[in-house]
């Protein structure tokens, strides 16, 4: 079914990386080549028993992808696009560096964007540096804290505000200091408890057997990367074939659940935690949550909450394709178009908990090597009405005194987009787990309000009110940078209502999105000042 003819120009993965680097005048690593093979972008061959690729096929891929992408996007989005602000030269590991990947968050911008506008560099687009070390930066729509983290790296103080208590928790864990050795000890206690719980059940044996049989099944019916490539070329009816084989394996899956006495579904489905997790995972979630709540050191407890939340999100009973936007719970094996094989839901969170504990501590340690002796905090509140000085006096008095003495130099922020995301609902599992107060009604431009005329009017009123309120705490000659996809043409009105004016626009293509929609998409960075 998957026989192949080996081209004469085949080279090893390592040789392909060196060859492509020379041709493209940019670094192409063996890992980059392996990724293209794994996802069927280029054909995998065998040369002297090792993986190999055709240089011609590799060159055709890079010509079609790299050579045309900038031209294609500019053609679709218009000539005013600033390609430099695409940051396409950065790998994912760089756009999710250190603490920026402590917890998933929909709708965040990459750190390089904040860094570009906050740092002291200038170029043909950014003619003048508006911020310098020691300044205070404000993000009134703080989200997961990207502005705060980059301000710290650049030696600036920063204040964030977010209506979501959980968003504020993400931000404050990223920028806060905590004893990592002591944190490791506390996390290890929870890991041991989870392992004891798992070992008292049939779940480890069941999962081992299930994984072994599913791997053999996938090797037989979905050989990688041959299957993915044939699916991409339309030589296989991927959808029909995938469903047929998933149904076939599900029959075996049900036999194994009976054999090991595994309860799949929970008894209730009222809350998020009831509906979106299989019964064995729910038992572990409840055990870990109680252990986290018992940690006496608040800074470590908040860190453990974030790790548990990240773990719980990964272990939801859904398909890999629907992890970002949930549709229906998945309680049986399914064909996964993302991985080109049959995948299954999780029956234990222990593996992910262990992995995320290690990853989180490593990322915090990496950030500790870069952090400056500056202060950052995200306040829970409504940017339209919050009294920043009063809240800072309660939450971080030293930073509050700096704000009073110096004033806030400016803003770097990205307000919610109209009708795009329900910001509380994206972390509903954490609100259930840790009893954060939900303030959904205070969200500006949430998905549940849609994008109609009334929603757009409310959005414009909300963002302008937030900017107007925050202006009270800004220095006289402030600079505000607002990142937005203004497809409804609202920001001229928003700036005017806030007593501000747009003095410059930077248009950038957004390349690195996780959503399924990969169509050409751009956003504007508005440079705004007082009238």
Protein backbone atom coordinates (compact mmCIF):
# COMPACT_ATOMS: atom_id res chain seq x y z
CA UNK A 1 0.00 0.00 0.00
CA UNK A 2 2.89 2.38 0.81
CA UNK A 3 5.68 1.25 -1.60
CA UNK A 4 8.01 4.00 -2.79
CA UNK A 5 10.77 4.71 -5.29
CA UNK A 6 13.84 6.35 -3.74
CA UNK A 7 15.04 9.47 -5.67
CA UNK A 8 18.74 9.77 -6.51
CA UNK A 9 19.12 13.05 -4.59
CA UNK A 10 18.15 11.63 -1.18
CA UNK A 11 20.27 12.74 1.77
CA UNK A 12 20.12 12.07 5.51
CA UNK A 13 18.19 14.33 7.85
CA UNK A 14 21.40 15.92 9.16
CA UNK A 15 22.74 16.48 5.64
CA UNK A 16 19.38 17.93 4.59
CA UNK A 17 19.56 20.46 7.42
CA UNK A 18 23.04 21.60 6.39
CA UNK A 19 22.10 21.71 2.70
CA UNK A 20 18.89 23.68 3.30
CA UNK A 21 20.73 26.13 5.59
CA UNK A 22 23.22 26.91 2.84
CA UNK A 23 20.54 27.31 0.14
CA UNK A 24 18.15 29.42 2.23
CA UNK A 25 20.78 31.47 4.09
CA UNK A 26 19.04 30.72 7.38
CA UNK A 27 19.42 27.99 9.98
CA UNK A 28 17.51 24.79 9.23
CA UNK A 29 18.13 22.18 11.92
CA UNK A 30 17.70 18.40 11.71
CA UNK A 31 14.73 18.87 14.03
CA UNK A 32 13.12 21.17 11.44
CA UNK A 33 13.56 18.49 8.77
CA UNK A 34 12.20 15.80 11.11
CA UNK A 35 9.11 17.97 11.70
CA UNK A 36 8.47 18.24 7.95
CA UNK A 37 8.75 14.46 7.66
CA UNK A 38 6.56 13.76 10.68
CA UNK A 39 3.72 15.92 9.38
CA UNK A 40 3.96 14.75 5.79
CA UNK A 41 5.24 18.02 4.33
CA UNK A 42 7.99 16.10 2.54
CA UNK A 43 8.28 12.40 1.74
CA UNK A 44 10.28 10.14 4.08
CA UNK A 45 12.66 7.73 2.37
CA UNK A 46 15.15 5.18 3.65
CA UNK A 47 18.84 5.45 2.77
CA UNK A 48 21.23 2.91 4.26
CA UNK A 49 18.57 2.12 6.86
CA UNK A 50 18.17 5.71 8.09
CA UNK A 51 15.48 8.38 7.35
CA UNK A 52 16.25 10.49 4.29
CA UNK A 53 14.62 13.20 2.17
CA UNK A 54 14.86 14.36 -1.41
CA UNK A 55 16.69 17.67 -1.81
CA UNK A 56 14.42 18.62 -4.71
CA UNK A 57 11.24 17.93 -2.72
CA UNK A 58 12.66 19.89 0.22
CA UNK A 59 13.53 22.83 -2.02
CA UNK A 60 10.05 22.82 -3.56
CA UNK A 61 8.48 22.91 -0.11
CA UNK A 62 10.58 25.86 1.04
CA UNK A 63 9.99 27.72 -2.21
CA UNK A 64 6.24 27.30 -1.90
CA UNK A 65 6.09 28.10 1.80
CA UNK A 66 8.84 30.61 2.57
CA UNK A 67 9.24 32.16 -0.83
CA UNK A 68 5.59 32.93 -1.41
CA UNK A 69 4.18 33.47 2.07
CA UNK A 70 5.17 37.11 2.44
CA UNK A 71 4.01 37.95 -1.10
CA UNK A 72 0.73 36.03 -0.66
CA UNK A 73 -0.09 37.69 2.63
CA UNK A 74 0.72 41.16 1.38
CA UNK A 75 -1.44 40.53 -1.67
CA UNK A 76 -4.40 39.49 0.47
CA UNK A 77 -3.93 42.00 3.29
CA UNK A 78 -2.66 45.02 1.42
CA UNK A 79 0.67 46.68 0.82
CA UNK A 80 0.68 48.52 4.16
CA UNK A 81 1.61 45.37 6.07
CA UNK A 82 4.86 45.68 8.06
CA UNK A 83 6.39 42.22 7.56
CA UNK A 84 9.10 42.89 10.13
CA UNK A 85 6.40 42.83 12.80
CA UNK A 86 5.40 39.31 11.77
CA UNK A 87 8.45 38.07 13.72
CA UNK A 88 8.50 35.07 11.40
CA UNK A 89 12.21 34.57 12.12
CA UNK A 90 11.44 33.33 15.63
CA UNK A 91 10.84 29.68 16.44
CA UNK A 92 8.00 28.65 18.71
CA UNK A 93 10.43 28.03 21.57
CA UNK A 94 11.38 31.72 21.38
CA UNK A 95 7.82 33.07 21.20
CA UNK A 96 6.87 30.90 24.20
CA UNK A 97 10.13 31.38 26.10
CA UNK A 98 10.45 30.77 29.86
CA UNK A 99 7.32 31.81 31.83
CA UNK A 100 5.31 32.79 28.75
CA UNK A 101 4.28 29.15 28.49
CA UNK A 102 3.35 28.51 32.12
CA UNK A 103 -0.33 28.19 31.21
CA UNK A 104 -2.37 28.16 27.95
CA UNK A 105 -4.26 31.36 27.21
CA UNK A 106 -6.27 32.22 24.12
CA UNK A 107 -5.81 35.67 22.65
CA UNK A 108 -2.33 36.62 23.86
CA UNK A 109 0.30 38.39 21.77
CA UNK A 110 3.87 37.14 21.50
CA UNK A 111 6.49 38.71 23.80
CA UNK A 112 8.57 39.99 20.88
CA UNK A 113 5.75 42.40 19.99
CA UNK A 114 5.73 44.00 23.44
CA UNK A 115 9.52 44.03 23.49
CA UNK A 116 9.71 45.82 20.14
CA UNK A 117 7.62 48.77 21.29
CA UNK A 118 8.97 48.95 24.85
CA UNK A 119 12.71 48.58 24.28
CA UNK A 120 15.21 51.26 23.28
CA UNK A 121 15.73 50.11 19.71
CA UNK A 122 14.81 52.18 16.65
CA UNK A 123 14.55 51.33 12.94
CA UNK A 124 12.90 52.54 9.75
CA UNK A 125 9.44 51.95 11.25
CA UNK A 126 9.98 52.79 14.91
CA UNK A 127 11.72 56.14 14.66
CA UNK A 128 11.95 56.93 18.37
CA UNK A 129 12.16 54.91 21.60
CA UNK A 130 9.32 55.98 23.89
CA UNK A 131 10.22 53.97 27.00
CA UNK A 132 13.39 53.47 29.02
CA UNK A 133 14.49 51.39 32.02
CA UNK A 134 12.93 52.56 35.26
CA UNK A 135 9.67 53.66 33.58
CA UNK A 136 6.30 52.35 34.73
CA UNK A 137 4.12 50.63 32.10
CA UNK A 138 0.39 49.94 32.37
CA UNK A 139 -1.59 47.11 30.76
CA UNK A 140 -5.30 47.67 31.55
CA UNK A 141 -6.26 44.41 29.78
CA UNK A 142 -3.50 42.31 31.27
CA UNK A 143 -4.63 38.82 30.20
CA UNK A 144 -1.84 36.36 30.96
CA UNK A 145 0.77 39.00 31.76
CA UNK A 146 2.96 39.21 28.66
CA UNK A 147 3.48 42.97 29.06
CA UNK A 148 4.41 42.57 32.73
CA UNK A 149 7.00 39.88 32.02
CA UNK A 150 8.64 41.82 29.18
CA UNK A 151 8.67 45.00 31.24
CA UNK A 152 10.59 43.12 33.91
CA UNK A 153 13.12 41.82 31.37
CA UNK A 154 13.64 45.39 30.14
CA UNK A 155 14.11 46.82 33.63
CA UNK A 156 10.72 48.54 33.83
CA UNK A 157 8.03 48.47 36.46
CA UNK A 158 4.54 47.47 35.36
CA UNK A 159 0.94 47.43 36.55
CA UNK A 160 -1.69 45.19 35.02
CA UNK A 161 -5.44 45.11 35.48
CA UNK A 162 -7.79 42.30 34.55
CA UNK A 163 -11.41 41.62 35.37
CA UNK A 164 -10.71 37.88 35.55
CA UNK A 165 -9.30 36.67 38.86
CA UNK A 166 -7.74 33.65 37.19
CA UNK A 167 -6.04 35.76 34.53
CA UNK A 168 -4.53 37.85 37.32
CA UNK A 169 -3.33 34.67 39.02
CA UNK A 170 -1.52 33.56 35.85
CA UNK A 171 0.18 36.96 35.54
CA UNK A 172 1.22 37.20 39.17
CA UNK A 173 2.65 33.69 39.28
CA UNK A 174 4.78 34.54 36.24
CA UNK A 175 6.31 37.71 37.70
CA UNK A 176 6.30 36.83 41.40
CA UNK A 177 9.27 35.49 43.33
CA UNK A 178 8.94 32.20 45.23
CA UNK A 179 11.23 29.59 46.86
CA UNK A 180 11.62 27.00 44.11
CA UNK A 181 13.37 24.33 46.22
CA UNK A 182 10.59 24.45 48.79
CA UNK A 183 8.04 24.44 45.98
CA UNK A 184 9.61 21.28 44.55
CA UNK A 185 9.23 19.55 47.91
CA UNK A 186 5.54 20.46 48.14
CA UNK A 187 4.87 19.36 44.57
CA UNK A 188 6.65 16.05 45.16
CA UNK A 189 4.29 15.34 48.08
CA UNK A 190 1.31 15.71 45.76
CA UNK A 191 2.98 13.56 43.10
CA UNK A 192 3.50 10.75 45.63
CA UNK A 193 -0.15 10.95 46.70
CA UNK A 194 -1.31 10.72 43.10
CA UNK A 195 0.96 7.76 42.43
CA UNK A 196 -0.34 5.90 45.50
CA UNK A 197 -3.91 6.59 44.36
CA UNK A 198 -3.20 5.28 40.86
CA UNK A 199 -1.43 2.16 42.15
CA UNK A 200 -4.48 1.25 44.24
CA UNK A 201 -6.57 0.88 41.05
CA UNK A 202 -6.47 -1.09 37.80
CA UNK A 203 -5.93 2.10 35.79
CA UNK A 204 -2.12 1.80 35.29
CA UNK A 205 -2.45 -1.76 33.98
CA UNK A 206 -5.44 -0.79 31.85
CA UNK A 207 -3.65 2.20 30.30
CA UNK A 208 -0.50 0.18 29.62
CA UNK A 209 -2.51 -2.50 27.84
CA UNK A 210 -4.60 0.05 25.96
CA UNK A 211 -1.53 1.99 24.83
CA UNK A 212 0.24 -1.17 23.67
CA UNK A 213 -2.71 -2.37 21.60
CA UNK A 214 -3.48 1.07 20.18
CA UNK A 215 0.15 1.59 19.14
CA UNK A 216 0.16 -1.74 17.31
CA UNK A 217 -3.16 -0.86 15.66
CA UNK A 218 -1.87 2.52 14.49
CA UNK A 219 1.38 1.07 13.16
CA UNK A 220 -0.66 -1.34 11.07
CA UNK A 221 -3.35 0.97 9.71
CA UNK A 222 -1.77 4.46 9.97
CA UNK A 223 1.96 4.03 9.23
CA UNK A 224 3.77 7.33 9.77
CA UNK A 225 4.54 9.45 7.89
CA UNK A 226 3.30 7.58 4.79
CA UNK A 227 -0.36 7.77 5.76
CA UNK A 228 -0.27 11.53 6.45
CA UNK A 229 1.37 12.23 3.13
CA UNK A 230 -1.12 10.16 1.16
CA UNK A 231 -3.97 11.85 3.03
CA UNK A 232 -2.55 15.29 2.17
CA UNK A 233 -2.32 14.29 -1.49
CA UNK A 234 -5.91 13.02 -1.52
CA UNK A 235 -4.88 9.45 -2.25
CA UNK A 236 -6.86 8.23 0.78
CA UNK A 237 -10.33 9.29 1.93
CA UNK A 238 -8.97 10.34 5.30
CA UNK A 239 -12.30 11.07 6.98
CA UNK A 240 -14.06 7.85 5.97
CA UNK A 241 -11.04 5.63 6.52
CA UNK A 242 -10.27 7.23 9.89
CA UNK A 243 -13.82 6.79 11.18
CA UNK A 244 -13.97 3.19 10.02
CA UNK A 245 -10.77 2.28 11.87
CA UNK A 246 -11.66 4.30 14.99
CA UNK A 247 -14.96 2.41 15.23
CA UNK A 248 -13.09 -0.84 14.79
CA UNK A 249 -10.68 -0.11 17.63
CA UNK A 250 -13.47 1.20 19.89
CA UNK A 251 -14.95 -2.29 20.01
CA UNK A 252 -11.67 -3.56 21.44
CA UNK A 253 -11.52 -0.58 23.81
CA UNK A 254 -14.90 -1.45 25.32
CA UNK A 255 -13.76 -5.04 25.83
CA UNK A 256 -10.74 -3.80 27.78
CA UNK A 257 -12.80 -1.48 30.00
CA UNK A 258 -14.96 -4.44 30.94
CA UNK A 259 -11.95 -6.68 31.53
CA UNK A 260 -10.31 -4.16 33.91
CA UNK A 261 -13.54 -2.90 35.48
CA UNK A 262 -12.92 0.73 34.48
CA UNK A 263 -15.75 3.25 34.97
CA UNK A 264 -15.59 5.69 32.06
CA UNK A 265 -18.17 8.36 32.78
CA UNK A 266 -18.96 10.25 35.97
CA UNK A 267 -22.38 9.87 37.53
CA UNK A 268 -23.31 13.55 37.07
CA UNK A 269 -22.77 16.22 34.42
CA UNK A 270 -23.94 19.45 36.08
CA UNK A 271 -20.62 21.26 36.46
CA UNK A 272 -17.70 21.65 34.09
CA UNK A 273 -15.64 19.21 36.14
CA UNK A 274 -18.49 16.68 35.97
CA UNK A 275 -18.95 16.88 32.21
CA UNK A 276 -15.49 17.16 30.74
CA UNK A 277 -13.46 14.57 32.63
CA UNK A 278 -13.59 10.79 32.77
CA UNK A 279 -14.23 9.27 36.16
CA UNK A 280 -10.64 8.08 36.91
CA UNK A 281 -9.23 11.53 36.10
CA UNK A 282 -11.85 13.26 38.25
CA UNK A 283 -10.79 11.20 41.27
CA UNK A 284 -7.20 12.38 40.80
CA UNK A 285 -8.27 16.00 40.26
CA UNK A 286 -10.16 16.07 43.55
CA UNK A 287 -7.24 14.49 45.40
CA UNK A 288 -4.71 16.96 43.98
CA UNK A 289 -6.98 19.98 44.55
CA UNK A 290 -7.36 19.17 48.25
CA UNK A 291 -3.60 18.73 48.58
CA UNK A 292 -2.94 22.06 46.85
CA UNK A 293 -5.38 23.88 49.12
CA UNK A 294 -3.49 22.60 52.18
CA UNK A 295 -0.16 24.21 51.18
CA UNK A 296 0.58 26.85 53.83
CA UNK A 297 2.94 29.06 51.80
CA UNK A 298 0.65 31.22 49.64
CA UNK A 299 3.23 31.83 46.92
CA UNK A 300 3.77 28.08 46.49
CA UNK A 301 0.04 27.35 46.72
CA UNK A 302 -0.66 29.79 43.89
CA UNK A 303 2.06 28.16 41.81
CA UNK A 304 0.63 24.68 42.48
CA UNK A 305 -2.83 25.91 41.50
CA UNK A 306 -1.49 27.04 38.15
CA UNK A 307 0.24 23.70 37.52
CA UNK A 308 -2.92 21.82 38.46
CA UNK A 309 -5.01 24.05 36.21
CA UNK A 310 -2.65 23.47 33.29
CA UNK A 311 -2.77 19.72 33.93
CA UNK A 312 -6.54 19.64 34.20
CA UNK A 313 -6.91 21.55 30.93
CA UNK A 314 -4.76 19.00 29.10
CA UNK A 315 -6.70 16.07 30.58
CA UNK A 316 -10.17 17.17 29.48
CA UNK A 317 -12.12 14.42 27.74
CA UNK A 318 -12.06 15.93 24.27
CA UNK A 319 -10.33 15.40 20.95
CA UNK A 320 -6.94 16.96 20.30
CA UNK A 321 -8.47 19.09 17.55
CA UNK A 322 -11.07 20.55 19.92
CA UNK A 323 -8.80 21.22 22.89
CA UNK A 324 -8.83 25.00 22.33
CA UNK A 325 -12.60 25.21 21.69
CA UNK A 326 -14.60 22.42 23.29
CA UNK A 327 -17.47 20.85 21.36
CA UNK A 328 -18.52 17.47 22.74
CA UNK A 329 -16.90 15.22 25.38
CA UNK A 330 -14.91 12.28 23.99
CA UNK A 331 -15.12 9.10 26.06
CA UNK A 332 -13.85 6.59 23.47
CA UNK A 333 -11.07 6.34 20.84
CA UNK A 334 -11.44 8.62 17.79
CA UNK A 335 -9.65 9.37 14.56
CA UNK A 336 -7.39 12.39 15.10
CA UNK A 337 -6.70 14.39 11.95
CA UNK A 338 -4.04 16.38 13.83
CA UNK A 339 -1.90 13.29 14.46
CA UNK A 340 -3.08 11.15 11.54
CA UNK A 341 -4.02 8.14 13.66
CA UNK A 342 -6.51 6.89 16.26
CA UNK A 343 -6.13 8.69 19.58
CA UNK A 344 -7.87 8.18 22.92
CA UNK A 345 -8.94 10.21 25.96
CA UNK A 346 -6.85 10.18 29.13
CA UNK A 347 -7.60 8.01 32.16
CA UNK A 348 -4.94 9.47 34.44
CA UNK A 349 -3.43 12.93 34.90
CA UNK A 350 -0.34 11.73 36.76
CA UNK A 351 1.96 11.81 33.74
CA UNK A 352 0.99 15.34 32.73
CA UNK A 353 1.09 16.59 36.34
CA UNK A 354 4.66 15.30 36.69
CA UNK A 355 5.70 16.77 33.36
CA UNK A 356 4.19 20.18 34.08
CA UNK A 357 5.71 20.36 37.57
CA UNK A 358 9.16 19.91 36.09
CA UNK A 359 8.52 22.23 33.14
CA UNK A 360 7.09 25.01 35.34
CA UNK A 361 9.99 25.01 37.79
CA UNK A 362 12.48 25.03 34.91
CA UNK A 363 10.74 27.97 33.26
CA UNK A 364 10.60 29.95 36.49
CA UNK A 365 14.29 29.28 37.04
CA UNK A 366 15.06 30.44 33.49
CA UNK A 367 13.16 33.66 34.09
CA UNK A 368 14.96 34.16 37.41
CA UNK A 369 18.24 34.32 35.46
CA UNK A 370 16.82 37.19 33.37
CA UNK A 371 14.62 39.10 35.77
CA UNK A 372 15.53 42.60 36.89
CA UNK A 373 15.04 44.19 40.29
CA UNK A 374 11.76 45.82 39.32
CA UNK A 375 8.16 45.46 40.46
CA UNK A 376 5.13 44.11 38.61
CA UNK A 377 1.63 43.18 39.70
CA UNK A 378 -1.72 42.43 38.09
CA UNK A 379 -4.71 43.83 39.96
CA UNK A 380 -8.12 42.21 39.79
CA UNK A 381 -10.56 44.88 38.74
CA UNK A 382 -12.51 46.70 36.04
CA UNK A 383 -10.23 49.06 34.12
CA UNK A 384 -13.19 51.36 33.46
CA UNK A 385 -13.50 52.36 37.12
CA UNK A 386 -10.50 51.04 39.08
CA UNK A 387 -8.59 53.44 41.33
CA UNK A 388 -5.06 52.29 40.58
CA UNK A 389 -3.41 54.22 43.40
CA UNK A 390 -5.82 52.93 46.03
CA UNK A 391 -5.54 49.31 44.84
CA UNK A 392 -1.76 49.48 44.66
CA UNK A 393 -1.63 50.89 48.17
CA UNK A 394 -3.32 47.66 49.32
CA UNK A 395 -1.66 45.14 47.02
CA UNK A 396 1.88 46.48 46.44
CA UNK A 397 2.55 49.68 48.41
CA UNK A 398 6.13 50.15 47.17
CA UNK A 399 4.98 50.15 43.55
CA UNK A 400 2.07 52.39 44.50
CA UNK A 401 4.49 54.98 45.87
CA UNK A 402 6.47 54.90 42.62
CA UNK A 403 3.30 55.49 40.63
CA UNK A 404 2.46 58.50 42.78
CA UNK A 405 5.97 59.92 42.50
CA UNK A 406 6.61 59.33 38.80
CA UNK A 407 3.30 58.67 37.15
CA UNK A 408 2.83 55.88 34.65
CA UNK A 409 4.86 56.49 31.51
CA UNK A 410 2.49 54.78 29.12
CA UNK A 411 0.42 51.81 28.06
CA UNK A 412 1.05 48.65 26.11
CA UNK A 413 -2.08 46.52 25.86
CA UNK A 414 -4.35 44.41 23.70
CA UNK A 415 -8.03 44.81 24.60
CA UNK A 416 -10.43 41.92 23.95
CA UNK A 417 -11.63 41.67 20.36
CA UNK A 418 -15.34 42.04 19.62
CA UNK A 419 -17.21 38.75 20.02
CA UNK A 420 -14.13 36.53 19.92
CA UNK A 421 -13.54 34.90 23.34
CA UNK A 422 -15.42 34.28 26.57
CA UNK A 423 -12.51 35.02 28.88
CA UNK A 424 -13.92 33.43 32.04
CA UNK A 425 -15.30 30.39 30.25
CA UNK A 426 -11.95 29.47 28.68
CA UNK A 427 -10.73 28.63 32.20
CA UNK A 428 -14.04 27.36 33.60
CA UNK A 429 -12.34 24.28 35.08
CA UNK A 430 -10.15 26.52 37.28
CA UNK A 431 -13.07 28.57 38.52
CA UNK A 432 -14.72 25.29 39.53
CA UNK A 433 -11.56 23.99 41.18
CA UNK A 434 -10.47 27.02 43.16
CA UNK A 435 -13.74 28.93 43.66
CA UNK A 436 -12.57 32.16 42.04
CA UNK A 437 -15.33 34.73 41.74
CA UNK A 438 -16.59 34.93 38.16
CA UNK A 439 -17.28 38.35 36.68
CA UNK A 440 -18.44 37.34 33.21
CA UNK A 441 -20.89 40.24 33.03
CA UNK A 442 -18.01 42.72 33.27
CA UNK A 443 -16.14 41.36 30.25
CA UNK A 444 -15.76 43.79 27.35
CA UNK A 445 -16.62 42.34 23.93
CA UNK A 446 -17.17 38.70 24.98
CA UNK A 447 -18.13 35.97 22.54
CA UNK A 448 -21.52 35.47 24.17
CA UNK A 449 -22.58 39.02 23.18
CA UNK A 450 -21.79 38.49 19.50
CA UNK A 451 -20.61 41.09 17.00
CA UNK A 452 -23.84 42.92 16.17
CA UNK A 453 -24.37 46.68 16.26
CA UNK A 454 -25.26 46.75 19.97
CA UNK A 455 -22.26 44.59 20.87
CA UNK A 456 -19.93 46.87 18.88
CA UNK A 457 -21.34 49.98 20.54
CA UNK A 458 -20.92 48.45 24.00
CA UNK A 459 -17.40 47.41 23.12
CA UNK A 460 -16.39 50.89 21.97
CA UNK A 461 -17.90 52.43 25.09
CA UNK A 462 -16.11 49.93 27.32
CA UNK A 463 -12.63 50.28 25.84
CA UNK A 464 -12.85 54.08 25.68
CA UNK A 465 -14.01 54.21 29.31
CA UNK A 466 -11.06 52.05 30.35
CA UNK A 467 -8.55 54.26 28.51
CA UNK A 468 -10.15 57.42 29.87
CA UNK A 469 -10.04 56.11 33.45
CA UNK A 470 -6.43 54.95 33.14
CA UNK A 471 -5.34 58.29 31.67
CA UNK A 472 -5.85 59.80 35.13
CA UNK A 473 -2.73 57.95 36.30
CA UNK A 474 -0.53 58.52 33.24
CA UNK A 475 2.30 61.02 32.86
CA UNK A 476 1.38 64.15 30.90
CA UNK A 477 3.23 63.20 27.72
CA UNK A 478 2.24 59.54 27.77
CA UNK A 479 2.44 57.09 24.91
CA UNK A 480 -0.11 54.30 24.56
CA UNK A 481 0.22 51.34 22.22
CA UNK A 482 -2.98 49.37 21.66
CA UNK A 483 -2.95 46.11 19.70
CA UNK A 484 -6.27 45.40 17.97
CA UNK A 485 -7.86 43.85 14.92
CA UNK A 486 -10.05 46.83 14.08
CA UNK A 487 -12.12 45.21 11.33
CA UNK A 488 -15.20 47.11 12.58
CA UNK A 489 -13.42 50.49 12.39
CA UNK A 490 -14.04 51.43 16.03
CA UNK A 491 -10.72 52.76 17.26
CA UNK A 492 -10.94 56.30 15.90
CA UNK A 493 -14.15 56.67 17.92
CA UNK A 494 -12.65 54.88 20.93
CA UNK A 495 -9.62 57.19 21.01
CA UNK A 496 -11.76 60.31 20.60
CA UNK A 497 -14.14 59.30 23.41
CA UNK A 498 -11.15 58.67 25.67
CA UNK A 499 -9.82 62.19 25.05
CA UNK A 500 -6.99 60.77 22.95
CA UNK A 501 -5.85 60.74 19.34
CA UNK A 502 -4.24 58.12 17.09
CA UNK A 503 -0.89 59.46 15.91
CA UNK A 504 0.40 56.39 14.05
CA UNK A 505 -0.65 52.91 12.95
CA UNK A 506 1.52 49.82 12.51
CA UNK A 507 -0.06 46.98 10.52
CA UNK A 508 1.30 43.49 11.18
CA UNK A 509 0.45 40.00 9.87
CA UNK A 510 -0.35 37.45 12.58
CA UNK A 511 1.33 34.21 11.57
CA UNK A 512 1.60 32.06 14.67
CA UNK A 513 -1.95 31.23 15.65
CA UNK A 514 -3.09 27.95 17.22
CA UNK A 515 -6.66 28.06 15.91
CA UNK A 516 -7.71 25.97 12.93
CA UNK A 517 -8.35 29.05 10.78
CA UNK A 518 -5.02 29.78 9.06
CA UNK A 519 -6.35 32.39 6.63
CA UNK A 520 -4.48 35.66 6.22
CA UNK A 521 -5.05 37.79 9.29
CA UNK A 522 -3.65 41.09 10.46
CA UNK A 523 -3.85 43.40 13.42
CA UNK A 524 -3.02 47.04 14.05
CA UNK A 525 -0.86 48.55 16.73
CA UNK A 526 -2.30 52.01 17.38
CA UNK A 527 0.07 54.60 18.80
CA UNK A 528 -2.20 56.87 20.84
CA UNK A 529 -1.49 60.09 22.73
CA UNK A 530 -3.44 62.77 24.57
CA UNK A 531 -5.24 65.33 22.40
